[in-house]
PDB file of N, CA and C in Angstrom:
ATOM      1  N   MET A   1       0.824  -1.180   0.320  1.00  0.00           N
ATOM      2  CA  MET A   1       0.054  -0.262   0.201  1.00  0.00           C
ATOM      3  C   MET A   1       0.787   1.081   0.059  1.00  0.00           C
ATOM      4  N   ASN A   2       0.577   2.297  -0.856  1.00  0.00           N
ATOM      5  CA  ASN A   2       1.468   3.236  -0.811  1.00  0.00           C
ATOM      6  C   ASN A   2       0.204   4.772  -0.455  1.00  0.00           C
ATOM      7  N   SER A   3      -0.534   4.561   0.158  1.00  0.00           N
ATOM      8  CA  SER A   3      -1.335   5.735   0.125  1.00  0.00           C
ATOM      9  C   SER A   3      -0.706   7.280   0.533  1.00  0.00           C
ATOM     10  N   PRO A   4      -1.507   8.182   0.527  1.00  0.00           N
ATOM     11  CA  PRO A   4      -0.754   9.438   1.097  1.00  0.00           C
ATOM     12  C   PRO A   4      -0.168   9.577   2.303  1.00  0.00           C
ATOM     13  N   GLN A   5      -1.201   9.312   3.168  1.00  0.00           N
ATOM     14  CA  GLN A   5      -0.997   9.173   4.414  1.00  0.00           C
ATOM     15  C   GLN A   5       0.384   8.425   5.090  1.00  0.00           C
ATOM     16  N   GLU A   6       0.422   6.889   4.159  1.00  0.00           N
ATOM     17  CA  GLU A   6       1.384   6.527   4.446  1.00  0.00           C
ATOM     18  C   GLU A   6       2.750   6.982   3.952  1.00  0.00           C
ATOM     19  N   GLN A   7       2.718   7.937   2.931  1.00  0.00           N
ATOM     20  CA  GLN A   7       4.217   8.868   2.678  1.00  0.00           C
ATOM     21  C   GLN A   7       4.334   9.878   3.392  1.00  0.00           C
ATOM     22  N   GLN A   8       3.367  10.359   4.012  1.00  0.00           N
ATOM     23  CA  GLN A   8       3.431  11.487   5.099  1.00  0.00           C
ATOM     24  C   GLN A   8       3.996  11.189   6.130  1.00  0.00           C
ATOM     25  N   GLN A   9       3.428   9.827   6.629  1.00  0.00           N
ATOM     26  CA  GLN A   9       4.477   9.326   7.530  1.00  0.00           C
ATOM     27  C   GLN A   9       5.512   8.959   7.515  1.00  0.00           C
ATOM     28  N   ILE A  10       6.242   8.427   6.686  1.00  0.00           N
ATOM     29  CA  ILE A  10       7.613   7.973   5.996  1.00  0.00           C
ATOM     30  C   ILE A  10       8.309   9.129   6.311  1.00  0.00           C
ATOM     31  N   ARG A  11       7.711  10.458   5.610  1.00  0.00           N
ATOM     32  CA  ARG A  11       8.351  11.757   5.772  1.00  0.00           C
ATOM     33  C   ARG A  11       8.765  12.310   6.907  1.00  0.00           C
ATOM     34  N   GLN A  12       7.468  12.351   7.639  1.00  0.00           N
ATOM     35  CA  GLN A  12       7.861  12.655   9.045  1.00  0.00           C
ATOM     36  C   GLN A  12       8.867  12.041   9.899  1.00  0.00           C
ATOM     37  N   GLN A  13       8.767  10.558   9.525  1.00  0.00           N
ATOM     38  CA  GLN A  13       9.791   9.651  10.417  1.00  0.00           C
ATOM     39  C   GLN A  13      11.294  10.198   9.845  1.00  0.00           C
ATOM     40  N   ALA A  14      11.638   9.916   8.758  1.00  0.00           N
ATOM     41  CA  ALA A  14      12.496  10.467   8.139  1.00  0.00           C
ATOM     42  C   ALA A  14      13.087  12.236   8.652  1.00  0.00           C
ATOM     43  N   ALA A  15      12.161  12.920   8.684  1.00  0.00           N
ATOM     44  CA  ALA A  15      12.371  14.510   9.112  1.00  0.00           C
ATOM     45  C   ALA A  15      12.885  14.212  10.358  1.00  0.00           C
ATOM     46  N   GLU A  16      12.125  13.443  11.417  1.00  0.00           N
ATOM     47  CA  GLU A  16      12.632  13.005  12.604  1.00  0.00           C
ATOM     48  C   GLU A  16      13.902  12.437  12.757  1.00  0.00           C
ATOM     49  N   TRP A  17      14.270  11.790  12.159  1.00  0.00           N
ATOM     50  CA  TRP A  17      15.672  10.905  12.160  1.00  0.00           C
ATOM     51  C   TRP A  17      16.733  12.182  11.605  1.00  0.00           C
ATOM     52  N   ALA A  18      16.636  12.429  10.535  1.00  0.00           N
ATOM     53  CA  ALA A  18      17.346  13.478  10.138  1.00  0.00           C
ATOM     54  C   ALA A  18      17.866  14.535  11.266  1.00  0.00           C
ATOM     55  N   ILE A  19      17.105  15.062  12.074  1.00  0.00           N
ATOM     56  CA  ILE A  19      17.049  16.024  13.137  1.00  0.00           C
ATOM     57  C   ILE A  19      17.785  15.268  14.020  1.00  0.00           C
ATOM     58  N   ARG A  20      17.420  14.390  14.475  1.00  0.00           N
ATOM     59  CA  ARG A  20      18.785  13.374  15.464  1.00  0.00           C
ATOM     60  C   ARG A  20      19.941  13.295  15.023  1.00  0.00           C
ATOM     61  N   LEU A  21      20.235  12.746  13.743  1.00  0.00           N
ATOM     62  CA  LEU A  21      21.101  12.512  12.818  1.00  0.00           C
ATOM     63  C   LEU A  21      22.276  14.007  13.321  1.00  0.00           C
ATOM     64  N   ASP A  22      21.650  14.809  12.902  1.00  0.00           N
ATOM     65  CA  ASP A  22      22.354  16.292  13.033  1.00  0.00           C
ATOM     66  C   ASP A  22      22.568  16.673  14.476  1.00  0.00           C
ATOM     67  N   GLY A  23      21.714  16.395  15.083  1.00  0.00           N
ATOM     68  CA  GLY A  23      22.068  16.407  16.776  1.00  0.00           C
ATOM     69  C   GLY A  23      23.423  15.970  17.304  1.00  0.00           C
ATOM     70  N   GLY A  24      24.101  15.182  16.766  1.00  0.00           N
ATOM     71  CA  GLY A  24      25.315  14.132  17.164  1.00  0.00           C
ATOM     72  C   GLY A  24      25.032  12.946  17.121  1.00  0.00           C
ATOM     73  N   ASP A  25      26.153  12.223  17.867  1.00  0.00           N
ATOM     74  CA  ASP A  25      25.974  10.721  17.963  1.00  0.00           C
ATOM     75  C   ASP A  25      24.834  10.244  18.501  1.00  0.00           C
ATOM     76  N   LEU A  26      24.463   8.980  17.776  1.00  0.00           N
ATOM     77  CA  LEU A  26      23.183   8.666  18.565  1.00  0.00           C
ATOM     78  C   LEU A  26      23.874   7.515  19.270  1.00  0.00           C
ATOM     79  N   ASP A  27      23.113   6.882  20.490  1.00  0.00           N
ATOM     80  CA  ASP A  27      23.461   6.034  21.363  1.00  0.00           C
ATOM     81  C   ASP A  27      23.120   4.626  20.760  1.00  0.00           C
ATOM     82  N   ARG A  28      23.716   3.378  21.485  1.00  0.00           N
ATOM     83  CA  ARG A  28      23.633   2.451  20.804  1.00  0.00           C
ATOM     84  C   ARG A  28      21.850   1.657  20.410  1.00  0.00           C
ATOM     85  N   SER A  29      21.282   2.047  21.385  1.00  0.00           N
ATOM     86  CA  SER A  29      19.911   1.667  20.737  1.00  0.00           C
ATOM     87  C   SER A  29      18.977   2.280  19.749  1.00  0.00           C
ATOM     88  N   ARG A  30      19.493   3.815  20.003  1.00  0.00           N
ATOM     89  CA  ARG A  30      18.839   5.078  18.957  1.00  0.00           C
ATOM     90  C   ARG A  30      19.398   4.138  17.553  1.00  0.00           C
ATOM     91  N   ARG A  31      20.621   4.155  17.197  1.00  0.00           N
ATOM     92  CA  ARG A  31      21.551   3.534  16.185  1.00  0.00           C
ATOM     93  C   ARG A  31      20.622   2.155  15.981  1.00  0.00           C
ATOM     94  N   GLU A  32      20.200   0.987  16.377  1.00  0.00           N
ATOM     95  CA  GLU A  32      19.622   0.157  16.192  1.00  0.00           C
ATOM     96  C   GLU A  32      18.143   0.400  15.993  1.00  0.00           C
ATOM     97  N   ALA A  33      17.437   1.198  16.338  1.00  0.00           N
ATOM     98  CA  ALA A  33      16.216   1.407  15.867  1.00  0.00           C
ATOM     99  C   ALA A  33      16.330   2.289  14.555  1.00  0.00           C
ATOM    100  N   LEU A  34      17.537   3.182  14.533  1.00  0.00           N
ATOM    101  CA  LEU A  34      17.481   3.569  12.992  1.00  0.00           C
ATOM    102  C   LEU A  34      17.781   2.938  11.916  1.00  0.00           C
ATOM    103  N   ASP A  35      18.647   1.697  12.239  1.00  0.00           N
ATOM    104  CA  ASP A  35      19.156   0.775  11.182  1.00  0.00           C
ATOM    105  C   ASP A  35      18.076  -0.679  11.227  1.00  0.00           C
ATOM    106  N   GLY A  36      16.993  -0.449  12.091  1.00  0.00           N
ATOM    107  CA  GLY A  36      15.705  -1.330  11.941  1.00  0.00           C
ATOM    108  C   GLY A  36      14.742  -0.633  11.048  1.00  0.00           C
ATOM    109  N   TRP A  37      14.407   0.792  10.831  1.00  0.00           N
ATOM    110  CA  TRP A  37      13.638   1.470  10.308  1.00  0.00           C
ATOM    111  C   TRP A  37      14.040   1.532   9.174  1.00  0.00           C
ATOM    112  N   LEU A  38      15.378   2.003   8.521  1.00  0.00           N
ATOM    113  CA  LEU A  38      15.743   1.830   7.556  1.00  0.00           C
ATOM    114  C   LEU A  38      15.648   0.519   6.868  1.00  0.00           C
ATOM    115  N   ALA A  39      15.759  -0.472   7.435  1.00  0.00           N
ATOM    116  CA  ALA A  39      15.446  -1.614   6.821  1.00  0.00           C
ATOM    117  C   ALA A  39      14.328  -2.109   6.730  1.00  0.00           C
ATOM    118  N   ALA A  40      13.426  -1.567   7.402  1.00  0.00           N
ATOM    119  CA  ALA A  40      11.732  -2.242   7.388  1.00  0.00           C
ATOM    120  C   ALA A  40      11.165  -1.797   6.032  1.00  0.00           C
ATOM    121  N   ASP A  41      11.570  -1.082   5.167  1.00  0.00           N
ATOM    122  CA  ASP A  41      10.992  -0.596   4.177  1.00  0.00           C
ATOM    123  C   ASP A  41      11.969  -0.095   2.930  1.00  0.00           C
ATOM    124  N   PRO A  42      12.197  -0.162   2.127  1.00  0.00           N
ATOM    125  CA  PRO A  42      12.831   0.329   0.905  1.00  0.00           C
ATOM    126  C   PRO A  42      12.532   1.297   0.711  1.00  0.00           C
ATOM    127  N   ARG A  43      11.501   2.306   0.823  1.00  0.00           N
ATOM    128  CA  ARG A  43      11.449   3.650   0.653  1.00  0.00           C
ATOM    129  C   ARG A  43      12.165   4.553   1.625  1.00  0.00           C
ATOM    130  N   HIS A  44      12.137   3.742   2.785  1.00  0.00           N
ATOM    131  CA  HIS A  44      12.911   4.753   4.096  1.00  0.00           C
ATOM    132  C   HIS A  44      14.240   5.228   3.599  1.00  0.00           C
ATOM    133  N   PRO A  45      15.282   4.659   3.102  1.00  0.00           N
ATOM    134  CA  PRO A  45      16.914   5.101   2.978  1.00  0.00           C
ATOM    135  C   PRO A  45      16.493   6.200   1.945  1.00  0.00           C
ATOM    136  N   ALA A  46      15.531   6.352   1.032  1.00  0.00           N
ATOM    137  CA  ALA A  46      15.938   7.519  -0.150  1.00  0.00           C
ATOM    138  C   ALA A  46      15.033   8.710   0.751  1.00  0.00           C
ATOM    139  N   ALA A  47      13.987   8.536   1.878  1.00  0.00           N
ATOM    140  CA  ALA A  47      13.192   9.463   2.317  1.00  0.00           C
ATOM    141  C   ALA A  47      14.112   9.825   3.616  1.00  0.00           C
ATOM    142  N   LEU A  48      14.873   9.274   4.194  1.00  0.00           N
ATOM    143  CA  LEU A  48      15.950   9.879   5.017  1.00  0.00           C
ATOM    144  C   LEU A  48      17.172  11.045   4.306  1.00  0.00           C
ATOM    145  N   ALA A  49      17.375  10.282   2.990  1.00  0.00           N
ATOM    146  CA  ALA A  49      18.519  11.179   2.601  1.00  0.00           C
ATOM    147  C   ALA A  49      17.988  12.386   2.052  1.00  0.00           C
ATOM    148  N   LEU A  50      16.416  12.163   1.530  1.00  0.00           N
ATOM    149  CA  LEU A  50      16.014  13.875   0.883  1.00  0.00           C
ATOM    150  C   LEU A  50      15.976  14.539   2.316  1.00  0.00           C
ATOM    151  N   ALA A  51      15.446  14.131   3.541  1.00  0.00           N
ATOM    152  CA  ALA A  51      14.928  15.134   4.784  1.00  0.00           C
ATOM    153  C   ALA A  51      16.511  15.248   5.491  1.00  0.00           C
ATOM    154  N   GLN A  52      17.532  14.568   5.076  1.00  0.00           N
ATOM    155  CA  GLN A  52      19.072  15.169   5.423  1.00  0.00           C
ATOM    156  C   GLN A  52      19.337  16.523   4.623  1.00  0.00           C
ATOM    157  N   ARG A  53      19.151  15.951   3.381  1.00  0.00           N
ATOM    158  CA  ARG A  53      19.700  17.416   2.284  1.00  0.00           C
ATOM    159  C   ARG A  53      18.610  18.525   2.800  1.00  0.00           C
ATOM    160  N   THR A  54      17.357  18.406   2.864  1.00  0.00           N
ATOM    161  CA  THR A  54      16.550  19.301   3.251  1.00  0.00           C
ATOM    162  C   THR A  54      16.579  20.321   4.487  1.00  0.00           C
ATOM    163  N   TRP A  55      17.279  19.247   5.550  1.00  0.00           N
ATOM    164  CA  TRP A  55      17.564  19.944   7.005  1.00  0.00           C
ATOM    165  C   TRP A  55      18.759  20.902   6.441  1.00  0.00           C
ATOM    166  N   LYS A  56      19.784  20.212   6.111  1.00  0.00           N
ATOM    167  CA  LYS A  56      20.998  21.085   5.501  1.00  0.00           C
ATOM    168  C   LYS A  56      20.988  22.135   4.719  1.00  0.00           C
ATOM    169  N   GLN A  57      20.091  22.463   4.037  1.00  0.00           N
ATOM    170  CA  GLN A  57      19.656  23.610   3.123  1.00  0.00           C
ATOM    171  C   GLN A  57      18.918  24.448   4.117  1.00  0.00           C
ATOM    172  N   LEU A  58      18.183  23.851   5.178  1.00  0.00           N
ATOM    173  CA  LEU A  58      17.252  24.783   5.836  1.00  0.00           C
ATOM    174  C   LEU A  58      18.540  25.671   6.883  1.00  0.00           C
ATOM    175  N   GLY A  59      19.617  24.819   7.098  1.00  0.00           N
ATOM    176  CA  GLY A  59      20.517  25.634   8.508  1.00  0.00           C
ATOM    177  C   GLY A  59      21.336  26.196   7.581  1.00  0.00           C
ATOM    178  N   SER A  60      21.480  25.874   6.056  1.00  0.00           N
ATOM    179  CA  SER A  60      22.186  27.343   5.749  1.00  0.00           C
ATOM    180  C   SER A  60      21.577  28.300   4.923  1.00  0.00           C
ATOM    181  N   LEU A  61      20.282  28.431   5.561  1.00  0.00           N
ATOM    182  CA  LEU A  61      19.824  29.740   4.956  1.00  0.00           C
ATOM    183  C   LEU A  61      20.148  30.801   6.211  1.00  0.00           C
ATOM    184  N   ALA A  62      20.455  32.173   5.780  1.00  0.00           N
ATOM    185  CA  ALA A  62      21.093  33.433   6.471  1.00  0.00           C
ATOM    186  C   ALA A  62      19.795  33.543   7.513  1.00  0.00           C
ATOM    187  N   GLU A  63      20.104  34.427   8.636  1.00  0.00           N
ATOM    188  CA  GLU A  63      19.039  34.663   9.457  1.00  0.00           C
ATOM    189  C   GLU A  63      17.930  35.587   8.706  1.00  0.00           C
ATOM    190  N   PRO A  64      16.622  35.385   9.140  1.00  0.00           N
ATOM    191  CA  PRO A  64      15.357  36.123   8.353  1.00  0.00           C
ATOM    192  C   PRO A  64      15.960  37.803   8.795  1.00  0.00           C
ATOM    193  N   ARG A  65      15.853  38.596   7.648  1.00  0.00           N
ATOM    194  CA  ARG A  65      16.035  39.721   7.885  1.00  0.00           C
ATOM    195  C   ARG A  65      14.740  40.431   7.970  1.00  0.00           C
ATOM    196  N   THR A  66      14.588  41.798   8.781  1.00  0.00           N
ATOM    197  CA  THR A  66      13.808  42.552   8.675  1.00  0.00           C
ATOM    198  C   THR A  66      13.417  43.251   7.621  1.00  0.00           C
ATOM    199  N   MET A  67      11.833  42.945   7.406  1.00  0.00           N
ATOM    200  CA  MET A  67      11.147  43.136   6.324  1.00  0.00           C
ATOM    201  C   MET A  67      11.096  44.835   6.091  1.00  0.00           C
ATOM    202  N   VAL A  68      11.485  45.241   5.291  1.00  0.00           N
ATOM    203  CA  VAL A  68      11.216  47.187   5.399  1.00  0.00           C
ATOM    204  C   VAL A  68       9.870  47.207   5.017  1.00  0.00           C
ATOM    205  N   GLN A  69       9.020  48.210   4.884  1.00  0.00           N
ATOM    206  CA  GLN A  69       8.099  48.169   4.341  1.00  0.00           C
ATOM    207  C   GLN A  69       7.835  49.706   3.863  1.00  0.00           C
ATOM    208  N   THR A  70       7.919  49.766   2.795  1.00  0.00           N
ATOM    209  CA  THR A  70       7.932  51.019   2.183  1.00  0.00           C
ATOM    210  C   THR A  70       6.311  51.283   2.063  1.00  0.00           C
ATOM    211  N   PRO A  71       6.123  52.691   2.047  1.00  0.00           N
ATOM    212  CA  PRO A  71       4.185  52.981   1.696  1.00  0.00           C
ATOM    213  C   PRO A  71       4.340  53.067   0.213  1.00  0.00           C
ATOM    214  N   VAL A  72       3.404  52.793  -0.528  1.00  0.00           N
ATOM    215  CA  VAL A  72       2.838  52.846  -1.980  1.00  0.00           C
ATOM    216  C   VAL A  72       2.245  53.783  -2.140  1.00  0.00           C
ATOM    217  N   ALA A  73       2.302  54.463  -2.997  1.00  0.00           N
ATOM    218  CA  ALA A  73       1.684  55.703  -3.253  1.00  0.00           C
ATOM    219  C   ALA A  73       0.617  54.926  -4.165  1.00  0.00           C
ATOM    220  N   SER A  74      -0.608  55.855  -3.938  1.00  0.00           N
ATOM    221  CA  SER A  74      -1.602  54.962  -4.329  1.00  0.00           C
ATOM    222  C   SER A  74      -2.098  56.072  -5.465  1.00  0.00           C
ATOM    223  N   ALA A  75      -2.859  55.347  -6.140  1.00  0.00           N
ATOM    224  CA  ALA A  75      -3.361  55.792  -7.385  1.00  0.00           C
ATOM    225  C   ALA A  75      -4.171  57.152  -7.772  1.00  0.00           C
ATOM    226  N   PRO A  76      -3.998  58.208  -8.199  1.00  0.00           N
ATOM    227  CA  PRO A  76      -4.887  59.112  -8.375  1.00  0.00           C
ATOM    228  C   PRO A  76      -6.061  59.284  -8.729  1.00  0.00           C
ATOM    229  N   ARG A  77      -7.190  59.651  -7.859  1.00  0.00           N
ATOM    230  CA  ARG A  77      -7.982  59.200  -7.789  1.00  0.00           C
ATOM    231  C   ARG A  77      -9.016  60.359  -8.905  1.00  0.00           C
ATOM    232  N   ARG A  78      -9.724  60.106  -9.452  1.00  0.00           N
ATOM    233  CA  ARG A  78     -10.869  61.097 -10.501  1.00  0.00           C
ATOM    234  C   ARG A  78     -11.706  61.892  -9.641  1.00  0.00           C
ATOM    235  N   ALA A  79     -11.577  62.952  -9.474  1.00  0.00           N
ATOM    236  CA  ALA A  79     -12.751  63.850  -9.236  1.00  0.00           C
ATOM    237  C   ALA A  79     -14.012  63.171  -9.259  1.00  0.00           C
ATOM    238  N   GLY A  80     -14.884  63.010  -8.403  1.00  0.00           N
ATOM    239  CA  GLY A  80     -16.078  62.648  -8.194  1.00  0.00           C
ATOM    240  C   GLY A  80     -16.174  61.046  -8.361  1.00  0.00           C
ATOM    241  N   GLY A  81     -15.238  60.287  -8.135  1.00  0.00           N
ATOM    242  CA  GLY A  81     -14.696  59.011  -8.029  1.00  0.00           C
ATOM    243  C   GLY A  81     -15.567  58.378  -9.072  1.00  0.00           C
ATOM    244  N   ARG A  82     -16.160  56.813  -8.865  1.00  0.00           N
ATOM    245  CA  ARG A  82     -16.514  56.180  -9.761  1.00  0.00           C
ATOM    246  C   ARG A  82     -17.898  56.344 -10.470  1.00  0.00           C
ATOM    247  N   ARG A  83     -18.865  56.588  -9.362  1.00  0.00           N
ATOM    248  CA  ARG A  83     -20.572  57.271  -9.579  1.00  0.00           C
ATOM    249  C   ARG A  83     -20.549  57.697 -10.458  1.00  0.00           C
ATOM    250  N   LYS A  84     -20.152  59.224 -10.936  1.00  0.00           N
ATOM    251  CA  LYS A  84     -20.079  60.036 -11.416  1.00  0.00           C
ATOM    252  C   LYS A  84     -20.393  59.407 -13.279  1.00  0.00           C
ATOM    253  N   GLY A  85     -19.417  58.617 -13.361  1.00  0.00           N
ATOM    254  CA  GLY A  85     -19.286  57.805 -14.661  1.00  0.00           C
ATOM    255  C   GLY A  85     -20.672  56.983 -14.593  1.00  0.00           C
ATOM    256  N   TRP A  86     -20.824  56.360 -13.984  1.00  0.00           N
ATOM    257  CA  TRP A  86     -22.033  55.463 -14.099  1.00  0.00           C
ATOM    258  C   TRP A  86     -23.351  56.532 -13.945  1.00  0.00           C
ATOM    259  N   ARG A  87     -23.662  57.540 -13.196  1.00  0.00           N
ATOM    260  CA  ARG A  87     -24.726  58.434 -13.889  1.00  0.00           C
ATOM    261  C   ARG A  87     -24.827  58.740 -15.131  1.00  0.00           C
ATOM    262  N   GLY A  88     -23.340  58.960 -15.567  1.00  0.00           N
ATOM    263  CA  GLY A  88     -23.505  59.573 -17.072  1.00  0.00           C
ATOM    264  C   GLY A  88     -24.041  58.301 -17.818  1.00  0.00           C
ATOM    265  N   TRP A  89     -23.512  57.117 -17.529  1.00  0.00           N
ATOM    266  CA  TRP A  89     -24.302  55.877 -18.435  1.00  0.00           C
ATOM    267  C   TRP A  89     -25.328  55.796 -18.122  1.00  0.00           C
ATOM    268  N   ALA A  90     -26.111  56.082 -16.914  1.00  0.00           N
ATOM    269  CA  ALA A  90     -27.722  55.565 -16.350  1.00  0.00           C
ATOM    270  C   ALA A  90     -28.533  56.956 -17.135  1.00  0.00           C
ATOM    271  N   ALA A  91     -27.894  58.208 -17.309  1.00  0.00           N
ATOM    272  CA  ALA A  91     -28.774  59.297 -18.218  1.00  0.00           C
ATOM    273  C   ALA A  91     -28.671  59.245 -19.428  1.00  0.00           C
ATOM    274  N   ALA A  92     -27.464  58.151 -20.229  1.00  0.00           N
ATOM    275  CA  ALA A  92     -27.701  57.924 -21.421  1.00  0.00           C
ATOM    276  C   ALA A  92     -28.976  56.942 -21.869  1.00  0.00           C
ATOM    277  N   ALA A  93     -29.088  55.847 -21.082  1.00  0.00           N
ATOM    278  CA  ALA A  93     -29.842  54.689 -21.252  1.00  0.00           C
ATOM    279  C   ALA A  93     -31.123  55.224 -21.253  1.00  0.00           C
TER     280      ALA A  93
END
């Protein structure tokens, strides 16, 4: 079975393993758990590799900069607004 929920679960587990691996050495029981997880499904190694690449790329992003908001000049408005134009059309009808 290859349902979207199953794929999501694999991606989630892979992300958790990627974070643990990035955190440093795994103790023996965690290493055995990882090895078991990798062997349990042929999709797991590829999912872990993708999660590790993604985690590495996220770590290389610069600190977010404060966004500077510049006021936008509004478009000039016609005298009388839009209603005046509609009145002319209504009178013509």
